[in-house]
Amino acid sequence: MEEMGKQRPQLSKVVLDVLKPHRPSVVELGKALSQLPGVLSINITLGEVDVDTESVKITIEGNGLNYEEIEKTIKRFGAAIHSIDEVIYS
């Protein structure tokens, strides 16, 4: 049982390796992710570009991030999460 007044750690940072189509752009994806509850900052870095796709590293920081909503938003853009490279709960 949780002690009174003691808060449980919340997801504060997640770094994802994502494969996405060229369209929609990283700007549009970043804007959509930035509008999720708890998000304070988004950093999307382009890694590789192929004929139809691009590999990007997405770093999301905030307070009480909801990973399921992040995942849904990324999938809505036709992208796939290849790996979760870093997770911080604080």
C-alpha atoms as a PDB file:
ATOM      1  CA  MET A   1       0.000   0.000   0.000  1.00  0.00           C
ATOM      2  CA  GLU A   2       1.242   3.455  -0.913  1.00  0.00           C
ATOM      3  CA  GLU A   3       2.207   5.777   1.937  1.00  0.00           C
ATOM      4  CA  MET A   4      -0.031   8.807   2.365  1.00  0.00           C
ATOM      5  CA  GLY A   5       1.372  11.900   0.696  1.00  0.00           C
ATOM      6  CA  LYS A   6       3.974   9.939  -1.257  1.00  0.00           C
ATOM      7  CA  GLN A   7       3.481  10.258  -5.024  1.00  0.00           C
ATOM      8  CA  ARG A   8       4.310   7.493  -7.436  1.00  0.00           C
ATOM      9  CA  PRO A   9       6.915   8.260 -10.105  1.00  0.00           C
ATOM     10  CA  GLN A  10       5.486   9.405 -13.418  1.00  0.00           C
ATOM     11  CA  LEU A  11       6.855   9.044 -16.931  1.00  0.00           C
ATOM     12  CA  SER A  12       8.907  12.188 -17.568  1.00  0.00           C
ATOM     13  CA  LYS A  13      11.001  11.237 -20.626  1.00  0.00           C
ATOM     14  CA  VAL A  14      10.847   8.714 -23.438  1.00  0.00           C
ATOM     15  CA  VAL A  15      13.190   8.330 -26.417  1.00  0.00           C
ATOM     16  CA  LEU A  16      11.836   6.386 -29.401  1.00  0.00           C
ATOM     17  CA  ASP A  17      13.377   5.090 -32.620  1.00  0.00           C
ATOM     18  CA  VAL A  18      10.624   5.516 -35.211  1.00  0.00           C
ATOM     19  CA  LEU A  19      10.244   4.663 -38.900  1.00  0.00           C
ATOM     20  CA  LYS A  20       7.817   7.014 -40.644  1.00  0.00           C
ATOM     21  CA  PRO A  21       6.729   7.885 -44.179  1.00  0.00           C
ATOM     22  CA  HIS A  22       8.006  11.199 -45.598  1.00  0.00           C
ATOM     23  CA  ARG A  23       4.496  12.635 -45.365  1.00  0.00           C
ATOM     24  CA  PRO A  24       3.206  13.900 -43.010  1.00  0.00           C
ATOM     25  CA  SER A  25       6.350  15.810 -42.089  1.00  0.00           C
ATOM     26  CA  VAL A  26       8.258  15.719 -38.802  1.00  0.00           C
ATOM     27  CA  VAL A  27       6.923  19.223 -38.164  1.00  0.00           C
ATOM     28  CA  GLU A  28       3.335  17.953 -38.283  1.00  0.00           C
ATOM     29  CA  LEU A  29       4.163  14.913 -36.147  1.00  0.00           C
ATOM     30  CA  GLY A  30       5.993  17.083 -33.615  1.00  0.00           C
ATOM     31  CA  LYS A  31       3.053  19.481 -33.405  1.00  0.00           C
ATOM     32  CA  ALA A  32       0.593  16.618 -32.790  1.00  0.00           C
ATOM     33  CA  LEU A  33       2.804  15.086 -30.085  1.00  0.00           C
ATOM     34  CA  SER A  34       3.345  18.472 -28.418  1.00  0.00           C
ATOM     35  CA  GLN A  35      -0.415  18.829 -27.934  1.00  0.00           C
ATOM     36  CA  LEU A  36      -0.693  15.672 -25.807  1.00  0.00           C
ATOM     37  CA  PRO A  37      -1.324  16.202 -22.076  1.00  0.00           C
ATOM     38  CA  GLY A  38       1.805  16.607 -19.969  1.00  0.00           C
ATOM     39  CA  VAL A  39       4.200  17.184 -22.889  1.00  0.00           C
ATOM     40  CA  LEU A  40       6.664  20.024 -22.272  1.00  0.00           C
ATOM     41  CA  SER A  41       9.138  19.462 -25.105  1.00  0.00           C
ATOM     42  CA  ILE A  42       9.625  17.416 -28.268  1.00  0.00           C
ATOM     43  CA  ASN A  43      12.872  16.802 -30.130  1.00  0.00           C
ATOM     44  CA  ILE A  44      12.778  14.921 -33.446  1.00  0.00           C
ATOM     45  CA  THR A  45      16.112  14.135 -35.086  1.00  0.00           C
ATOM     46  CA  LEU A  46      16.366  12.722 -38.605  1.00  0.00           C
ATOM     47  CA  GLY A  47      18.615   9.676 -38.807  1.00  0.00           C
ATOM     48  CA  GLU A  48      18.284   8.046 -42.229  1.00  0.00           C
ATOM     49  CA  VAL A  49      16.247   8.745 -45.343  1.00  0.00           C
ATOM     50  CA  ASP A  50      15.093   6.010 -47.713  1.00  0.00           C
ATOM     51  CA  VAL A  51      12.997   6.206 -50.877  1.00  0.00           C
ATOM     52  CA  ASP A  52       9.671   6.002 -49.004  1.00  0.00           C
ATOM     53  CA  THR A  53      10.577   6.379 -45.330  1.00  0.00           C
ATOM     54  CA  GLU A  54      12.762   8.134 -42.814  1.00  0.00           C
ATOM     55  CA  SER A  55      14.154   6.973 -39.493  1.00  0.00           C
ATOM     56  CA  VAL A  56      13.793   9.502 -36.708  1.00  0.00           C
ATOM     57  CA  LYS A  57      14.699   9.643 -33.030  1.00  0.00           C
ATOM     58  CA  ILE A  58      11.878  11.223 -30.999  1.00  0.00           C
ATOM     59  CA  THR A  59      12.587  12.538 -27.506  1.00  0.00           C
ATOM     60  CA  ILE A  60       9.537  13.569 -25.487  1.00  0.00           C
ATOM     61  CA  GLU A  61       9.822  15.212 -22.078  1.00  0.00           C
ATOM     62  CA  GLY A  62       7.117  16.326 -19.685  1.00  0.00           C
ATOM     63  CA  ASN A  63       5.148  15.524 -16.565  1.00  0.00           C
ATOM     64  CA  GLY A  64       3.003  12.426 -16.333  1.00  0.00           C
ATOM     65  CA  LEU A  65       3.402  11.427 -19.980  1.00  0.00           C
ATOM     66  CA  ASN A  66       0.938   8.844 -21.271  1.00  0.00           C
ATOM     67  CA  TYR A  67       2.891   6.355 -23.376  1.00  0.00           C
ATOM     68  CA  GLU A  68      -0.253   4.796 -24.851  1.00  0.00           C
ATOM     69  CA  GLU A  69      -1.384   8.178 -26.216  1.00  0.00           C
ATOM     70  CA  ILE A  70       2.087   8.851 -27.618  1.00  0.00           C
ATOM     71  CA  GLU A  71       2.051   5.466 -29.345  1.00  0.00           C
ATOM     72  CA  LYS A  72      -1.459   6.053 -30.781  1.00  0.00           C
ATOM     73  CA  THR A  73      -0.449   9.452 -32.156  1.00  0.00           C
ATOM     74  CA  ILE A  74       2.658   8.055 -33.831  1.00  0.00           C
ATOM     75  CA  LYS A  75       0.659   5.194 -35.396  1.00  0.00           C
ATOM     76  CA  ARG A  76      -1.985   7.664 -36.611  1.00  0.00           C
ATOM     77  CA  PHE A  77       0.779   9.270 -38.692  1.00  0.00           C
ATOM     78  CA  GLY A  78       1.512   5.915 -40.362  1.00  0.00           C
ATOM     79  CA  ALA A  79       4.718   5.439 -38.397  1.00  0.00           C
ATOM     80  CA  ALA A  80       6.048   2.450 -36.463  1.00  0.00           C
ATOM     81  CA  ILE A  81       8.036   2.425 -33.224  1.00  0.00           C
ATOM     82  CA  HIS A  82      11.134   0.280 -33.756  1.00  0.00           C
ATOM     83  CA  SER A  83      12.457   0.575 -30.218  1.00  0.00           C
ATOM     84  CA  ILE A  84      12.142   2.392 -26.935  1.00  0.00           C
ATOM     85  CA  ASP A  85      15.684   3.617 -26.332  1.00  0.00           C
ATOM     86  CA  GLU A  86      15.276   5.462 -23.026  1.00  0.00           C
ATOM     87  CA  VAL A  87      12.609   5.847 -20.359  1.00  0.00           C
ATOM     88  CA  ILE A  88      12.770   8.052 -17.267  1.00  0.00           C
ATOM     89  CA  TYR A  89      10.245   7.995 -14.445  1.00  0.00           C
ATOM     90  CA  SER A  90      10.621  10.696 -11.835  1.00  0.00           C
END
